Amino acid sequence: VLQPEEKKTVAYHEAGHAVAGWFLEHADPLLKVSIIPRGKGLGYAQYLPKEQYLYTKEQLLDRMCMTLGGRVSEEIFFGRITTGAQDDLKKVTQSAYAQ
């Protein structure tokens, strides 16, 4: 069970993904955001990706920005970054190497 402060951090983290995606031209449409823990994840932002196999550099960079939105939100609102952003860093690193 998450402590209230942890729940708040997860909520701001997931909101960071959603807000970042809202302002990015190439981000997939947002379906929902949840802070209900499932499996390893403490929360998630779910998107509706279109069926696509080839991506432009701009599309990949927007996805990377959206992925880092949660981490940025933690830094802005709490002045610190938690281990909840580890998986996001892993995804962004893999995406960067794929370019």
N, C-alpha and C. Protein backbone atom coordinates (compact mmCIF):
# COMPACT_ATOMS: atom_id res chain seq x y z
N VAL A 1 0.85 -1.18 0.00
CA VAL A 1 0.00 0.00 0.00
C VAL A 1 0.89 1.24 0.00
N LEU A 2 0.61 2.14 -0.92
CA LEU A 2 1.39 3.37 -1.01
C LEU A 2 1.04 4.35 0.10
N GLN A 3 2.06 5.02 0.59
CA GLN A 3 1.86 6.10 1.55
C GLN A 3 1.28 7.30 0.80
N PRO A 4 0.56 8.19 1.48
CA PRO A 4 -0.03 9.35 0.81
C PRO A 4 0.98 10.19 0.00
N GLU A 5 2.17 10.39 0.54
CA GLU A 5 3.18 11.17 -0.18
C GLU A 5 3.65 10.45 -1.44
N GLU A 6 3.77 9.12 -1.36
CA GLU A 6 4.14 8.34 -2.55
C GLU A 6 3.04 8.40 -3.60
N LYS A 7 1.81 8.30 -3.15
CA LYS A 7 0.67 8.37 -4.08
C LYS A 7 0.65 9.72 -4.81
N LYS A 8 0.95 10.78 -4.07
CA LYS A 8 1.00 12.11 -4.67
C LYS A 8 2.13 12.19 -5.71
N THR A 9 3.27 11.62 -5.39
CA THR A 9 4.40 11.62 -6.33
C THR A 9 4.03 10.87 -7.60
N VAL A 10 3.40 9.70 -7.45
CA VAL A 10 2.99 8.91 -8.62
C VAL A 10 1.98 9.69 -9.45
N ALA A 11 1.04 10.36 -8.80
CA ALA A 11 0.03 11.14 -9.52
C ALA A 11 0.67 12.27 -10.33
N TYR A 12 1.60 12.99 -9.73
CA TYR A 12 2.27 14.07 -10.45
C TYR A 12 3.14 13.51 -11.57
N HIS A 13 3.77 12.37 -11.33
CA HIS A 13 4.60 11.74 -12.35
C HIS A 13 3.76 11.37 -13.57
N GLU A 14 2.66 10.70 -13.35
CA GLU A 14 1.80 10.28 -14.47
C GLU A 14 1.16 11.49 -15.16
N ALA A 15 0.79 12.49 -14.38
CA ALA A 15 0.26 13.72 -14.98
C ALA A 15 1.31 14.39 -15.86
N GLY A 16 2.57 14.28 -15.46
CA GLY A 16 3.66 14.85 -16.26
C GLY A 16 3.73 14.24 -17.64
N HIS A 17 3.54 12.91 -17.72
CA HIS A 17 3.51 12.25 -19.03
C HIS A 17 2.35 12.80 -19.87
N ALA A 18 1.19 12.89 -19.25
CA ALA A 18 -0.02 13.33 -19.96
C ALA A 18 0.10 14.77 -20.46
N VAL A 19 0.58 15.65 -19.61
CA VAL A 19 0.71 17.06 -19.99
C VAL A 19 1.76 17.24 -21.08
N ALA A 20 2.88 16.55 -20.94
CA ALA A 20 3.92 16.64 -21.98
C ALA A 20 3.36 16.18 -23.32
N GLY A 21 2.65 15.07 -23.32
CA GLY A 21 2.07 14.54 -24.55
C GLY A 21 1.07 15.48 -25.18
N TRP A 22 0.32 16.21 -24.36
CA TRP A 22 -0.69 17.14 -24.86
C TRP A 22 -0.06 18.22 -25.75
N PHE A 23 1.15 18.64 -25.40
CA PHE A 23 1.79 19.75 -26.10
C PHE A 23 2.72 19.32 -27.23
N LEU A 24 2.89 18.03 -27.43
CA LEU A 24 3.80 17.54 -28.46
C LEU A 24 3.04 17.17 -29.72
N GLU A 25 3.54 17.63 -30.84
CA GLU A 25 2.87 17.43 -32.13
C GLU A 25 2.71 15.96 -32.50
N HIS A 26 3.72 15.15 -32.20
CA HIS A 26 3.72 13.77 -32.67
C HIS A 26 3.37 12.75 -31.59
N ALA A 27 2.83 13.19 -30.47
CA ALA A 27 2.47 12.26 -29.40
C ALA A 27 1.17 11.53 -29.74
N ASP A 28 1.08 10.29 -29.31
CA ASP A 28 -0.15 9.52 -29.50
C ASP A 28 -1.25 10.08 -28.60
N PRO A 29 -2.52 9.94 -29.00
CA PRO A 29 -3.62 10.42 -28.16
C PRO A 29 -3.68 9.66 -26.82
N LEU A 30 -3.95 10.39 -25.76
CA LEU A 30 -4.03 9.81 -24.42
C LEU A 30 -5.38 9.13 -24.23
N LEU A 31 -5.37 7.92 -23.72
CA LEU A 31 -6.60 7.19 -23.42
C LEU A 31 -6.98 7.37 -21.95
N LYS A 32 -6.03 7.09 -21.04
CA LYS A 32 -6.32 7.27 -19.62
C LYS A 32 -5.03 7.29 -18.82
N VAL A 33 -5.15 7.80 -17.60
CA VAL A 33 -4.04 7.84 -16.65
C VAL A 33 -4.54 7.19 -15.37
N SER A 34 -3.71 6.35 -14.76
CA SER A 34 -4.09 5.67 -13.52
C SER A 34 -2.95 5.70 -12.52
N ILE A 35 -3.30 5.82 -11.25
CA ILE A 35 -2.29 5.69 -10.19
C ILE A 35 -2.61 4.47 -9.33
N ILE A 36 -3.32 3.54 -9.90
CA ILE A 36 -3.59 2.27 -9.22
C ILE A 36 -2.45 1.32 -9.57
N PRO A 37 -1.69 0.87 -8.56
CA PRO A 37 -0.54 0.00 -8.84
C PRO A 37 -0.95 -1.31 -9.52
N ARG A 38 -0.17 -1.69 -10.54
CA ARG A 38 -0.38 -2.95 -11.26
C ARG A 38 0.98 -3.54 -11.57
N GLY A 39 1.19 -4.77 -11.14
CA GLY A 39 2.49 -5.39 -11.41
C GLY A 39 3.61 -4.57 -10.81
N LYS A 40 4.63 -4.30 -11.61
CA LYS A 40 5.76 -3.50 -11.15
C LYS A 40 5.45 -2.01 -11.15
N GLY A 41 4.51 -1.60 -12.00
CA GLY A 41 4.20 -0.17 -12.14
C GLY A 41 3.30 0.36 -11.04
N LEU A 42 3.61 1.55 -10.58
CA LEU A 42 2.79 2.19 -9.56
C LEU A 42 1.68 3.02 -10.18
N GLY A 43 1.76 3.23 -11.47
CA GLY A 43 0.77 3.98 -12.22
C GLY A 43 1.13 3.91 -13.69
N TYR A 44 0.27 4.45 -14.53
CA TYR A 44 0.59 4.46 -15.96
C TYR A 44 -0.26 5.47 -16.70
N ALA A 45 0.27 5.89 -17.83
CA ALA A 45 -0.48 6.71 -18.78
C ALA A 45 -0.63 5.83 -20.02
N GLN A 46 -1.86 5.62 -20.44
CA GLN A 46 -2.13 4.73 -21.58
C GLN A 46 -2.51 5.56 -22.79
N TYR A 47 -1.90 5.23 -23.91
CA TYR A 47 -2.11 5.98 -25.15
C TYR A 47 -2.73 5.10 -26.22
N LEU A 48 -3.22 5.72 -27.28
CA LEU A 48 -3.79 5.01 -28.42
C LEU A 48 -2.85 5.19 -29.62
N PRO A 49 -1.82 4.36 -29.69
CA PRO A 49 -0.89 4.52 -30.81
C PRO A 49 -1.52 4.08 -32.12
N LYS A 50 -1.20 4.81 -33.18
CA LYS A 50 -1.70 4.39 -34.49
C LYS A 50 -0.80 3.26 -34.99
N GLU A 51 -1.34 2.47 -35.88
CA GLU A 51 -0.57 1.36 -36.44
C GLU A 51 0.47 1.95 -37.39
N GLN A 52 1.72 1.88 -36.98
CA GLN A 52 2.80 2.50 -37.74
C GLN A 52 4.07 1.70 -37.51
N TYR A 53 4.86 1.54 -38.57
CA TYR A 53 6.08 0.74 -38.46
C TYR A 53 7.34 1.57 -38.65
N LEU A 54 7.23 2.69 -39.33
CA LEU A 54 8.38 3.56 -39.55
C LEU A 54 8.12 4.90 -38.86
N TYR A 55 9.13 5.42 -38.18
CA TYR A 55 8.99 6.66 -37.43
C TYR A 55 10.03 7.67 -37.88
N THR A 56 9.64 8.94 -37.90
CA THR A 56 10.59 9.99 -38.21
C THR A 56 11.37 10.34 -36.94
N LYS A 57 12.45 11.06 -37.13
CA LYS A 57 13.25 11.51 -35.99
C LYS A 57 12.39 12.37 -35.06
N GLU A 58 11.56 13.23 -35.64
CA GLU A 58 10.70 14.11 -34.85
C GLU A 58 9.69 13.31 -34.01
N GLN A 59 9.14 12.26 -34.59
CA GLN A 59 8.20 11.42 -33.85
C GLN A 59 8.90 10.74 -32.67
N LEU A 60 10.10 10.23 -32.91
CA LEU A 60 10.84 9.56 -31.84
C LEU A 60 11.22 10.55 -30.74
N LEU A 61 11.65 11.74 -31.12
CA LEU A 61 12.01 12.74 -30.11
C LEU A 61 10.80 13.16 -29.27
N ASP A 62 9.64 13.30 -29.90
CA ASP A 62 8.43 13.63 -29.14
C ASP A 62 8.07 12.51 -28.17
N ARG A 63 8.21 11.27 -28.61
CA ARG A 63 7.94 10.14 -27.70
C ARG A 63 8.90 10.14 -26.52
N MET A 64 10.16 10.46 -26.81
CA MET A 64 11.16 10.52 -25.74
C MET A 64 10.81 11.63 -24.75
N CYS A 65 10.41 12.78 -25.27
CA CYS A 65 10.02 13.89 -24.39
C CYS A 65 8.82 13.52 -23.52
N MET A 66 7.85 12.87 -24.13
CA MET A 66 6.66 12.46 -23.39
C MET A 66 7.04 11.46 -22.29
N THR A 67 7.93 10.55 -22.62
CA THR A 67 8.37 9.55 -21.65
C THR A 67 9.09 10.20 -20.48
N LEU A 68 9.83 11.27 -20.74
CA LEU A 68 10.54 11.97 -19.67
C LEU A 68 9.67 12.98 -18.92
N GLY A 69 8.44 13.18 -19.39
CA GLY A 69 7.55 14.15 -18.75
C GLY A 69 7.28 13.87 -17.28
N GLY A 70 7.20 12.61 -16.91
CA GLY A 70 6.97 12.25 -15.51
C GLY A 70 8.14 12.62 -14.63
N ARG A 71 9.32 12.37 -15.12
CA ARG A 71 10.56 12.69 -14.40
C ARG A 71 10.67 14.21 -14.20
N VAL A 72 10.37 14.95 -15.26
CA VAL A 72 10.43 16.41 -15.20
C VAL A 72 9.40 16.94 -14.20
N SER A 73 8.22 16.37 -14.20
CA SER A 73 7.18 16.79 -13.26
C SER A 73 7.64 16.59 -11.81
N GLU A 74 8.26 15.46 -11.53
CA GLU A 74 8.78 15.22 -10.18
C GLU A 74 9.79 16.29 -9.78
N GLU A 75 10.69 16.62 -10.69
CA GLU A 75 11.72 17.62 -10.41
C GLU A 75 11.10 19.00 -10.17
N ILE A 76 10.14 19.37 -11.00
CA ILE A 76 9.50 20.69 -10.88
C ILE A 76 8.71 20.82 -9.58
N PHE A 77 7.88 19.83 -9.27
CA PHE A 77 6.96 19.97 -8.14
C PHE A 77 7.53 19.53 -6.79
N PHE A 78 8.51 18.63 -6.81
CA PHE A 78 9.05 18.13 -5.55
C PHE A 78 10.53 18.43 -5.36
N GLY A 79 11.19 18.90 -6.42
CA GLY A 79 12.62 19.21 -6.32
C GLY A 79 13.50 17.98 -6.24
N ARG A 80 12.95 16.84 -6.59
CA ARG A 80 13.70 15.58 -6.55
C ARG A 80 13.10 14.60 -7.55
N ILE A 81 13.89 13.61 -7.90
CA ILE A 81 13.43 12.57 -8.82
C ILE A 81 13.50 11.24 -8.09
N THR A 82 12.45 10.45 -8.18
CA THR A 82 12.41 9.17 -7.47
C THR A 82 12.80 8.01 -8.39
N THR A 83 12.89 6.84 -7.81
CA THR A 83 13.20 5.64 -8.59
C THR A 83 12.04 5.24 -9.49
N GLY A 84 10.88 5.86 -9.32
CA GLY A 84 9.75 5.59 -10.19
C GLY A 84 10.02 5.95 -11.65
N ALA A 85 11.04 6.77 -11.88
CA ALA A 85 11.38 7.20 -13.23
C ALA A 85 12.40 6.28 -13.90
N GLN A 86 12.84 5.23 -13.22
CA GLN A 86 13.87 4.34 -13.78
C GLN A 86 13.43 3.68 -15.08
N ASP A 87 12.22 3.17 -15.13
CA ASP A 87 11.75 2.50 -16.34
C ASP A 87 11.65 3.49 -17.50
N ASP A 88 11.28 4.73 -17.19
CA ASP A 88 11.20 5.76 -18.23
C ASP A 88 12.59 6.01 -18.83
N LEU A 89 13.60 6.08 -17.98
CA LEU A 89 14.97 6.29 -18.48
C LEU A 89 15.42 5.13 -19.36
N LYS A 90 15.04 3.94 -18.97
CA LYS A 90 15.38 2.74 -19.75
C LYS A 90 14.76 2.82 -21.14
N LYS A 91 13.48 3.19 -21.20
CA LYS A 91 12.78 3.31 -22.49
C LYS A 91 13.41 4.38 -23.38
N VAL A 92 13.74 5.52 -22.79
CA VAL A 92 14.32 6.61 -23.56
C VAL A 92 15.71 6.22 -24.08
N THR A 93 16.48 5.55 -23.25
CA THR A 93 17.81 5.11 -23.67
C THR A 93 17.70 4.14 -24.83
N GLN A 94 16.79 3.18 -24.75
CA GLN A 94 16.60 2.23 -25.85
C GLN A 94 16.16 2.94 -27.12
N SER A 95 15.29 3.91 -26.99
CA SER A 95 14.83 4.67 -28.15
C SER A 95 15.97 5.47 -28.77
N ALA A 96 16.81 6.05 -27.94
CA ALA A 96 17.94 6.83 -28.44
C ALA A 96 18.91 5.94 -29.22
N TYR A 97 19.17 4.76 -28.71
CA TYR A 97 20.07 3.84 -29.41
C TYR A 97 19.45 3.35 -30.72
N ALA A 98 18.12 3.28 -30.77
CA ALA A 98 17.44 2.81 -31.98
C ALA A 98 17.54 3.83 -33.12
N GLN A 99 17.84 5.07 -32.78
CA GLN A 99 17.95 6.11 -33.81
C GLN A 99 19.28 5.95 -34.46
